Amino acid sequence: MDVIISLLERLSLWAWWALAGLFLIGEVLTGTTFLLWPAAAAFLTGILAFGFLGVSWPVQLSVFAMLTLVLVWAGDRWVRPVLNRGKETGLNDRAARMVGQRVKVVSDFATGRGRVHFDDGEWSAETSDGSDPVRDSQVIIDEVRGVTLIVHPA
């Protein structure tokens, strides 16, 4: 127990900044923004420990705990919504990127069903209005249902 107390009594700017660095490494490895706030709290506590050389370790730990709580709350309330604002880009959702694209009919439609060419392959397609586009005409993708494209004439 004496060893722990002696370590706590030697808390300084560098110890807090080393702890902040460890939290930042954890943040980079996880990518969650949750560990960013304890890292900021440790950094600020290190500044406090440097600015007020006589601050005891219980006060430093209390400041660290309070700053962590306040920063986690503030970050979750104001920063996380800003970071999540642009999430729906369709970057990894091919179906979302397909909607609205103009594609070429590769076989005549019969009873509202046929095949179209999109990117580098042929896809099964259905018309949303039951029409029968002919080969080499253009249609626009309205929706993707599994492996079938729902289209309408261009």
N, C-alpha and C. Protein backbone atom coordinates (compact mmCIF):
# COMPACT_ATOMS: atom_id res chain seq x y z
N MET A 1 0.82 -1.19 0.00
CA MET A 1 0.00 0.00 0.00
C MET A 1 0.86 1.25 0.00
N ASP A 2 1.99 1.18 0.71
CA ASP A 2 2.89 2.34 0.77
C ASP A 2 3.46 2.66 -0.61
N VAL A 3 3.67 1.64 -1.42
CA VAL A 3 4.20 1.85 -2.76
C VAL A 3 3.20 2.64 -3.61
N ILE A 4 1.94 2.29 -3.51
CA ILE A 4 0.90 2.99 -4.27
C ILE A 4 0.80 4.44 -3.83
N ILE A 5 0.80 4.66 -2.51
CA ILE A 5 0.73 6.02 -1.98
C ILE A 5 1.94 6.84 -2.44
N SER A 6 3.13 6.22 -2.44
CA SER A 6 4.32 6.95 -2.86
C SER A 6 4.25 7.29 -4.35
N LEU A 7 3.69 6.41 -5.18
CA LEU A 7 3.51 6.71 -6.60
C LEU A 7 2.51 7.84 -6.80
N LEU A 8 1.42 7.81 -6.05
CA LEU A 8 0.41 8.85 -6.16
C LEU A 8 0.94 10.21 -5.73
N GLU A 9 1.82 10.22 -4.74
CA GLU A 9 2.39 11.48 -4.27
C GLU A 9 3.32 12.11 -5.30
N ARG A 10 3.82 11.30 -6.22
CA ARG A 10 4.73 11.81 -7.25
C ARG A 10 4.02 12.15 -8.56
N LEU A 11 2.69 12.24 -8.55
CA LEU A 11 1.97 12.60 -9.77
C LEU A 11 2.39 14.00 -10.20
N SER A 12 2.70 14.13 -11.48
CA SER A 12 3.16 15.41 -12.01
C SER A 12 2.60 15.61 -13.40
N LEU A 13 3.00 16.68 -14.01
CA LEU A 13 2.61 16.98 -15.39
C LEU A 13 2.90 15.80 -16.31
N TRP A 14 4.10 15.22 -16.18
CA TRP A 14 4.51 14.16 -17.11
C TRP A 14 3.73 12.88 -16.87
N ALA A 15 3.39 12.59 -15.65
CA ALA A 15 2.60 11.38 -15.37
C ALA A 15 1.20 11.53 -15.97
N TRP A 16 0.60 12.70 -15.81
CA TRP A 16 -0.73 12.91 -16.37
C TRP A 16 -0.70 12.92 -17.89
N TRP A 17 0.34 13.52 -18.46
CA TRP A 17 0.43 13.53 -19.92
C TRP A 17 0.73 12.15 -20.48
N ALA A 18 1.47 11.34 -19.73
CA ALA A 18 1.70 9.96 -20.16
C ALA A 18 0.37 9.19 -20.13
N LEU A 19 -0.43 9.41 -19.09
CA LEU A 19 -1.75 8.77 -19.02
C LEU A 19 -2.64 9.25 -20.18
N ALA A 20 -2.58 10.55 -20.48
CA ALA A 20 -3.34 11.08 -21.62
C ALA A 20 -2.89 10.41 -22.92
N GLY A 21 -1.58 10.21 -23.07
CA GLY A 21 -1.06 9.52 -24.26
C GLY A 21 -1.56 8.10 -24.37
N LEU A 22 -1.61 7.40 -23.24
CA LEU A 22 -2.14 6.02 -23.25
C LEU A 22 -3.61 6.00 -23.65
N PHE A 23 -4.38 6.96 -23.12
CA PHE A 23 -5.79 7.05 -23.52
C PHE A 23 -5.91 7.35 -25.02
N LEU A 24 -5.06 8.22 -25.54
CA LEU A 24 -5.10 8.53 -26.96
C LEU A 24 -4.73 7.34 -27.83
N ILE A 25 -3.76 6.56 -27.39
CA ILE A 25 -3.42 5.34 -28.12
C ILE A 25 -4.61 4.39 -28.13
N GLY A 26 -5.27 4.25 -26.99
CA GLY A 26 -6.48 3.43 -26.92
C GLY A 26 -7.56 3.96 -27.84
N GLU A 27 -7.70 5.27 -27.92
CA GLU A 27 -8.69 5.90 -28.80
C GLU A 27 -8.40 5.60 -30.26
N VAL A 28 -7.13 5.70 -30.64
CA VAL A 28 -6.76 5.41 -32.02
C VAL A 28 -7.04 3.94 -32.36
N LEU A 29 -6.79 3.06 -31.41
CA LEU A 29 -7.02 1.63 -31.65
C LEU A 29 -8.50 1.28 -31.71
N THR A 30 -9.33 1.98 -30.93
CA THR A 30 -10.76 1.65 -30.91
C THR A 30 -11.59 2.54 -31.83
N GLY A 31 -11.22 3.80 -31.98
CA GLY A 31 -11.95 4.71 -32.85
C GLY A 31 -13.34 5.07 -32.37
N THR A 32 -13.54 5.14 -31.07
CA THR A 32 -14.89 5.36 -30.54
C THR A 32 -15.15 6.78 -30.09
N THR A 33 -14.23 7.62 -29.86
CA THR A 33 -14.29 8.95 -29.24
C THR A 33 -14.54 8.88 -27.75
N PHE A 34 -14.83 7.72 -27.18
CA PHE A 34 -15.07 7.63 -25.74
C PHE A 34 -13.79 7.87 -24.95
N LEU A 35 -12.66 7.35 -25.41
CA LEU A 35 -11.40 7.52 -24.67
C LEU A 35 -10.76 8.88 -24.91
N LEU A 36 -11.30 9.63 -25.83
CA LEU A 36 -10.79 10.98 -26.08
C LEU A 36 -11.01 11.88 -24.88
N TRP A 37 -12.12 11.71 -24.20
CA TRP A 37 -12.47 12.60 -23.09
C TRP A 37 -11.63 12.36 -21.83
N PRO A 38 -11.38 11.11 -21.43
CA PRO A 38 -10.43 10.93 -20.32
C PRO A 38 -9.02 11.40 -20.69
N ALA A 39 -8.65 11.29 -21.97
CA ALA A 39 -7.34 11.80 -22.39
C ALA A 39 -7.28 13.31 -22.21
N ALA A 40 -8.33 14.00 -22.61
CA ALA A 40 -8.37 15.46 -22.43
C ALA A 40 -8.37 15.82 -20.95
N ALA A 41 -9.10 15.06 -20.14
CA ALA A 41 -9.13 15.31 -18.69
C ALA A 41 -7.74 15.10 -18.07
N ALA A 42 -7.03 14.06 -18.49
CA ALA A 42 -5.68 13.82 -17.96
C ALA A 42 -4.73 14.94 -18.39
N PHE A 43 -4.87 15.40 -19.64
CA PHE A 43 -4.03 16.50 -20.12
C PHE A 43 -4.27 17.75 -19.29
N LEU A 44 -5.54 18.09 -19.06
CA LEU A 44 -5.87 19.28 -18.26
C LEU A 44 -5.45 19.13 -16.80
N THR A 45 -5.56 17.93 -16.26
CA THR A 45 -5.12 17.70 -14.89
C THR A 45 -3.60 17.84 -14.79
N GLY A 46 -2.89 17.44 -15.83
CA GLY A 46 -1.44 17.64 -15.86
C GLY A 46 -1.07 19.11 -15.84
N ILE A 47 -1.84 19.93 -16.57
CA ILE A 47 -1.60 21.38 -16.54
C ILE A 47 -1.86 21.91 -15.14
N LEU A 48 -2.92 21.44 -14.50
CA LEU A 48 -3.21 21.85 -13.12
C LEU A 48 -2.06 21.46 -12.19
N ALA A 49 -1.55 20.22 -12.33
CA ALA A 49 -0.47 19.74 -11.47
C ALA A 49 0.80 20.56 -11.69
N PHE A 50 1.03 21.01 -12.93
CA PHE A 50 2.21 21.82 -13.22
C PHE A 50 2.03 23.26 -12.73
N GLY A 51 0.85 23.81 -12.94
CA GLY A 51 0.60 25.21 -12.58
C GLY A 51 0.55 25.43 -11.08
N PHE A 52 0.01 24.45 -10.37
CA PHE A 52 -0.10 24.56 -8.91
C PHE A 52 0.71 23.42 -8.31
N LEU A 53 1.99 23.65 -8.12
CA LEU A 53 2.92 22.59 -7.72
C LEU A 53 2.55 21.92 -6.40
N GLY A 54 1.85 22.60 -5.54
CA GLY A 54 1.55 22.02 -4.23
C GLY A 54 0.23 21.27 -4.18
N VAL A 55 -0.40 21.01 -5.32
CA VAL A 55 -1.70 20.32 -5.32
C VAL A 55 -1.48 18.86 -4.95
N SER A 56 -2.21 18.40 -3.96
CA SER A 56 -2.03 17.01 -3.49
C SER A 56 -2.68 16.03 -4.47
N TRP A 57 -2.26 14.77 -4.37
CA TRP A 57 -2.77 13.76 -5.28
C TRP A 57 -4.26 13.51 -5.13
N PRO A 58 -4.87 13.58 -3.92
CA PRO A 58 -6.32 13.40 -3.87
C PRO A 58 -7.07 14.49 -4.65
N VAL A 59 -6.55 15.72 -4.62
CA VAL A 59 -7.19 16.80 -5.37
C VAL A 59 -7.01 16.55 -6.87
N GLN A 60 -5.82 16.11 -7.26
CA GLN A 60 -5.58 15.83 -8.67
C GLN A 60 -6.50 14.73 -9.19
N LEU A 61 -6.63 13.66 -8.41
CA LEU A 61 -7.52 12.57 -8.83
C LEU A 61 -8.97 13.02 -8.88
N SER A 62 -9.37 13.86 -7.93
CA SER A 62 -10.74 14.39 -7.92
C SER A 62 -10.99 15.26 -9.14
N VAL A 63 -10.04 16.11 -9.46
CA VAL A 63 -10.17 16.97 -10.64
C VAL A 63 -10.24 16.12 -11.90
N PHE A 64 -9.39 15.10 -11.99
CA PHE A 64 -9.41 14.20 -13.14
C PHE A 64 -10.77 13.52 -13.27
N ALA A 65 -11.31 13.01 -12.16
CA ALA A 65 -12.60 12.32 -12.21
C ALA A 65 -13.71 13.28 -12.63
N MET A 66 -13.73 14.48 -12.07
CA MET A 66 -14.77 15.46 -12.40
C MET A 66 -14.66 15.91 -13.86
N LEU A 67 -13.44 16.19 -14.30
CA LEU A 67 -13.25 16.60 -15.69
C LEU A 67 -13.66 15.49 -16.65
N THR A 68 -13.34 14.25 -16.30
CA THR A 68 -13.72 13.13 -17.15
C THR A 68 -15.23 13.05 -17.28
N LEU A 69 -15.93 13.13 -16.16
CA LEU A 69 -17.39 13.06 -16.20
C LEU A 69 -17.99 14.20 -17.02
N VAL A 70 -17.51 15.41 -16.79
CA VAL A 70 -18.04 16.57 -17.52
C VAL A 70 -17.74 16.46 -19.01
N LEU A 71 -16.52 16.09 -19.36
CA LEU A 71 -16.15 15.99 -20.77
C LEU A 71 -16.86 14.85 -21.48
N VAL A 72 -17.06 13.71 -20.82
CA VAL A 72 -17.80 12.61 -21.43
C VAL A 72 -19.25 13.04 -21.68
N TRP A 73 -19.85 13.70 -20.71
CA TRP A 73 -21.22 14.18 -20.88
C TRP A 73 -21.32 15.19 -22.02
N ALA A 74 -20.43 16.19 -22.02
CA ALA A 74 -20.46 17.23 -23.05
C ALA A 74 -20.15 16.65 -24.42
N GLY A 75 -19.19 15.75 -24.48
CA GLY A 75 -18.84 15.14 -25.76
C GLY A 75 -19.97 14.30 -26.32
N ASP A 76 -20.65 13.56 -25.45
CA ASP A 76 -21.76 12.73 -25.90
C ASP A 76 -22.94 13.59 -26.33
N ARG A 77 -23.12 14.71 -25.66
CA ARG A 77 -24.26 15.57 -25.97
C ARG A 77 -24.03 16.44 -27.20
N TRP A 78 -22.83 17.01 -27.38
CA TRP A 78 -22.61 17.97 -28.44
C TRP A 78 -21.65 17.52 -29.54
N VAL A 79 -20.61 16.78 -29.21
CA VAL A 79 -19.62 16.43 -30.22
C VAL A 79 -20.05 15.20 -31.02
N ARG A 80 -20.52 14.15 -30.37
CA ARG A 80 -20.90 12.93 -31.08
C ARG A 80 -21.97 13.18 -32.14
N PRO A 81 -23.02 13.97 -31.88
CA PRO A 81 -24.00 14.23 -32.96
C PRO A 81 -23.37 14.91 -34.18
N VAL A 82 -22.41 15.80 -33.95
CA VAL A 82 -21.75 16.47 -35.07
C VAL A 82 -20.92 15.47 -35.86
N LEU A 83 -20.23 14.57 -35.18
CA LEU A 83 -19.41 13.57 -35.86
C LEU A 83 -20.26 12.56 -36.62
N ASN A 84 -21.46 12.25 -36.12
CA ASN A 84 -22.33 11.27 -36.77
C ASN A 84 -23.23 11.88 -37.83
N ARG A 85 -23.17 13.18 -38.02
CA ARG A 85 -24.09 13.85 -38.93
C ARG A 85 -23.96 13.33 -40.37
N GLY A 86 -22.79 13.06 -40.85
CA GLY A 86 -22.61 12.67 -42.25
C GLY A 86 -22.52 11.18 -42.47
N LYS A 87 -23.10 10.36 -41.62
CA LYS A 87 -22.93 8.92 -41.71
C LYS A 87 -23.60 8.29 -42.93
N GLU A 88 -24.75 8.76 -43.37
CA GLU A 88 -25.51 8.11 -44.44
C GLU A 88 -25.03 8.56 -45.81
N THR A 89 -23.82 8.20 -46.19
CA THR A 89 -23.27 8.59 -47.48
C THR A 89 -23.51 7.54 -48.54
N GLY A 90 -23.84 6.31 -48.15
CA GLY A 90 -24.00 5.24 -49.13
C GLY A 90 -22.67 4.73 -49.64
N LEU A 91 -21.58 5.11 -49.01
CA LEU A 91 -20.27 4.73 -49.49
C LEU A 91 -20.12 3.21 -49.58
N ASN A 92 -20.53 2.50 -48.57
CA ASN A 92 -20.40 1.05 -48.58
C ASN A 92 -21.74 0.35 -48.80
N ASP A 93 -22.73 1.08 -49.25
CA ASP A 93 -24.06 0.53 -49.51
C ASP A 93 -24.32 0.64 -51.00
N ARG A 94 -23.98 -0.42 -51.73
CA ARG A 94 -24.09 -0.37 -53.18
C ARG A 94 -25.54 -0.15 -53.62
N ALA A 95 -26.49 -0.77 -52.92
CA ALA A 95 -27.89 -0.61 -53.31
C ALA A 95 -28.32 0.85 -53.22
N ALA A 96 -27.89 1.56 -52.19
CA ALA A 96 -28.25 2.97 -52.07
C ALA A 96 -27.64 3.80 -53.19
N ARG A 97 -26.46 3.45 -53.64
CA ARG A 97 -25.82 4.18 -54.73
C ARG A 97 -26.45 3.87 -56.08
N MET A 98 -27.10 2.72 -56.19
CA MET A 98 -27.71 2.33 -57.46
C MET A 98 -28.99 3.11 -57.76
N VAL A 99 -29.72 3.48 -56.72
CA VAL A 99 -31.00 4.17 -56.91
C VAL A 99 -30.78 5.49 -57.64
N GLY A 100 -31.56 5.71 -58.69
CA GLY A 100 -31.46 6.92 -59.48
C GLY A 100 -30.55 6.79 -60.69
N GLN A 101 -29.84 5.69 -60.82
CA GLN A 101 -28.92 5.50 -61.94
C GLN A 101 -29.70 5.10 -63.20
N ARG A 102 -29.22 5.56 -64.34
CA ARG A 102 -29.81 5.21 -65.63
C ARG A 102 -29.07 3.97 -66.13
N VAL A 103 -29.84 2.93 -66.52
CA VAL A 103 -29.24 1.68 -66.99
C VAL A 103 -29.85 1.29 -68.33
N LYS A 104 -29.19 0.40 -69.03
CA LYS A 104 -29.60 -0.01 -70.38
C LYS A 104 -30.29 -1.38 -70.31
N VAL A 105 -31.39 -1.50 -71.01
CA VAL A 105 -32.12 -2.77 -71.08
C VAL A 105 -31.38 -3.69 -72.04
N VAL A 106 -31.07 -4.93 -71.61
CA VAL A 106 -30.33 -5.86 -72.46
C VAL A 106 -31.21 -6.95 -73.05
N SER A 107 -32.42 -7.12 -72.54
CA SER A 107 -33.38 -8.04 -73.15
C SER A 107 -34.78 -7.46 -72.97
N ASP A 108 -35.62 -7.67 -74.00
CA ASP A 108 -36.97 -7.12 -73.94
C ASP A 108 -37.69 -7.59 -72.67
N PHE A 109 -38.44 -6.69 -72.06
CA PHE A 109 -39.23 -7.03 -70.88
C PHE A 109 -40.50 -7.73 -71.33
N ALA A 110 -40.94 -8.68 -70.55
CA ALA A 110 -42.23 -9.35 -70.77
C ALA A 110 -42.96 -9.38 -69.44
N THR A 111 -44.17 -8.95 -69.44
CA THR A 111 -45.00 -8.84 -68.23
C THR A 111 -44.28 -8.09 -67.11
N GLY A 112 -43.57 -7.04 -67.51
CA GLY A 112 -42.91 -6.19 -66.53
C GLY A 112 -41.60 -6.70 -65.99
N ARG A 113 -41.07 -7.79 -66.57
CA ARG A 113 -39.79 -8.36 -66.10
C ARG A 113 -38.81 -8.47 -67.26
N GLY A 114 -37.52 -8.23 -66.93
CA GLY A 114 -36.48 -8.35 -67.94
C GLY A 114 -35.11 -8.24 -67.30
N ARG A 115 -34.10 -7.89 -68.13
CA ARG A 115 -32.73 -7.78 -67.63
C ARG A 115 -32.15 -6.46 -68.08
N VAL A 116 -31.32 -5.88 -67.19
CA VAL A 116 -30.66 -4.61 -67.49
C VAL A 116 -29.17 -4.75 -67.22
N HIS A 117 -28.40 -3.84 -67.82
CA HIS A 117 -26.94 -3.82 -67.61
C HIS A 117 -26.61 -2.66 -66.67
N PHE A 118 -25.96 -3.01 -65.54
CA PHE A 118 -25.50 -1.99 -64.59
C PHE A 118 -24.05 -2.28 -64.24
N ASP A 119 -23.21 -1.26 -64.33
CA ASP A 119 -21.76 -1.38 -64.10
C ASP A 119 -21.19 -2.48 -64.97
N ASP A 120 -20.78 -3.59 -64.38
CA ASP A 120 -20.12 -4.64 -65.16
C ASP A 120 -20.93 -5.92 -65.21
N GLY A 121 -22.22 -5.86 -64.96
CA GLY A 121 -23.01 -7.08 -64.96
C GLY A 121 -24.46 -6.86 -65.34
N GLU A 122 -25.14 -7.98 -65.55
CA GLU A 122 -26.56 -7.94 -65.86
C GLU A 122 -27.36 -8.24 -64.60
N TRP A 123 -28.48 -7.56 -64.48
CA TRP A 123 -29.34 -7.69 -63.31
C TRP A 123 -30.76 -8.00 -63.75
N SER A 124 -31.46 -8.80 -62.95
CA SER A 124 -32.89 -8.98 -63.15
C SER A 124 -33.56 -7.68 -62.79
N ALA A 125 -34.63 -7.36 -63.54
CA ALA A 125 -35.31 -6.10 -63.28
C ALA A 125 -36.81 -6.27 -63.45
N GLU A 126 -37.55 -5.44 -62.72
CA GLU A 126 -39.01 -5.35 -62.85
C GLU A 126 -39.36 -3.89 -63.00
N THR A 127 -40.38 -3.61 -63.80
CA THR A 127 -40.83 -2.23 -63.91
C THR A 127 -41.84 -1.94 -62.82
N SER A 128 -41.78 -0.73 -62.30
CA SER A 128 -42.69 -0.35 -61.22
C SER A 128 -44.10 -0.10 -61.73
N ASP A 129 -44.24 0.20 -63.03
CA ASP A 129 -45.55 0.48 -63.60
C ASP A 129 -46.09 -0.64 -64.48
N GLY A 130 -45.37 -1.76 -64.58
CA GLY A 130 -45.82 -2.90 -65.38
C GLY A 130 -45.54 -2.77 -66.86
N SER A 131 -44.85 -1.70 -67.29
CA SER A 131 -44.55 -1.51 -68.71
C SER A 131 -43.47 -2.50 -69.16
N ASP A 132 -43.31 -2.61 -70.48
CA ASP A 132 -42.34 -3.55 -71.05
C ASP A 132 -41.35 -2.81 -71.95
N PRO A 133 -40.28 -2.24 -71.37
CA PRO A 133 -39.27 -1.57 -72.20
C PRO A 133 -38.60 -2.56 -73.15
N VAL A 134 -38.14 -2.06 -74.29
CA VAL A 134 -37.50 -2.91 -75.29
C VAL A 134 -35.98 -2.83 -75.15
N ARG A 135 -35.32 -3.77 -75.78
CA ARG A 135 -33.86 -3.85 -75.75
C ARG A 135 -33.24 -2.52 -76.20
N ASP A 136 -32.13 -2.15 -75.57
CA ASP A 136 -31.33 -0.95 -75.83
C ASP A 136 -32.01 0.35 -75.37
N SER A 137 -33.18 0.27 -74.74
CA SER A 137 -33.77 1.49 -74.19
C SER A 137 -33.18 1.76 -72.80
N GLN A 138 -33.43 2.92 -72.28
CA GLN A 138 -32.89 3.33 -70.98
C GLN A 138 -34.00 3.29 -69.93
N VAL A 139 -33.65 2.82 -68.74
CA VAL A 139 -34.56 2.84 -67.60
C VAL A 139 -33.80 3.40 -66.40
N ILE A 140 -34.54 3.84 -65.39
CA ILE A 140 -33.93 4.41 -64.19
C ILE A 140 -34.28 3.53 -63.00
N ILE A 141 -33.29 3.25 -62.16
CA ILE A 141 -33.49 2.38 -61.00
C ILE A 141 -34.21 3.16 -59.90
N ASP A 142 -35.34 2.61 -59.43
CA ASP A 142 -36.11 3.21 -58.34
C ASP A 142 -35.76 2.59 -56.99
N GLU A 143 -35.46 1.30 -57.01
CA GLU A 143 -35.31 0.56 -55.76
C GLU A 143 -34.54 -0.72 -56.04
N VAL A 144 -33.93 -1.27 -55.01
CA VAL A 144 -33.25 -2.56 -55.12
C VAL A 144 -33.90 -3.50 -54.11
N ARG A 145 -34.45 -4.60 -54.61
CA ARG A 145 -35.07 -5.62 -53.75
C ARG A 145 -34.26 -6.90 -53.91
N GLY A 146 -33.38 -7.14 -52.99
CA GLY A 146 -32.51 -8.33 -53.10
C GLY A 146 -31.61 -8.18 -54.29
N VAL A 147 -31.79 -9.08 -55.29
CA VAL A 147 -30.98 -9.03 -56.51
C VAL A 147 -31.80 -8.54 -57.71
N THR A 148 -32.95 -7.99 -57.44
CA THR A 148 -33.83 -7.49 -58.50
C THR A 148 -33.91 -5.97 -58.41
N LEU A 149 -33.74 -5.32 -59.56
CA LEU A 149 -33.84 -3.87 -59.62
C LEU A 149 -35.27 -3.50 -60.03
N ILE A 150 -35.84 -2.56 -59.32
CA ILE A 150 -37.15 -2.04 -59.67
C ILE A 150 -36.88 -0.75 -60.46
N VAL A 151 -37.38 -0.69 -61.71
CA VAL A 151 -37.04 0.38 -62.62
C VAL A 151 -38.30 1.03 -63.19
N HIS A 152 -38.10 2.19 -63.79
CA HIS A 152 -39.15 2.83 -64.58
C HIS A 152 -38.52 3.39 -65.84
N PRO A 153 -39.30 3.52 -66.93
CA PRO A 153 -38.73 4.02 -68.18
C PRO A 153 -38.16 5.43 -68.03
N ALA A 154 -37.06 5.67 -68.72
CA ALA A 154 -36.40 6.98 -68.63
C ALA A 154 -37.15 8.02 -69.44
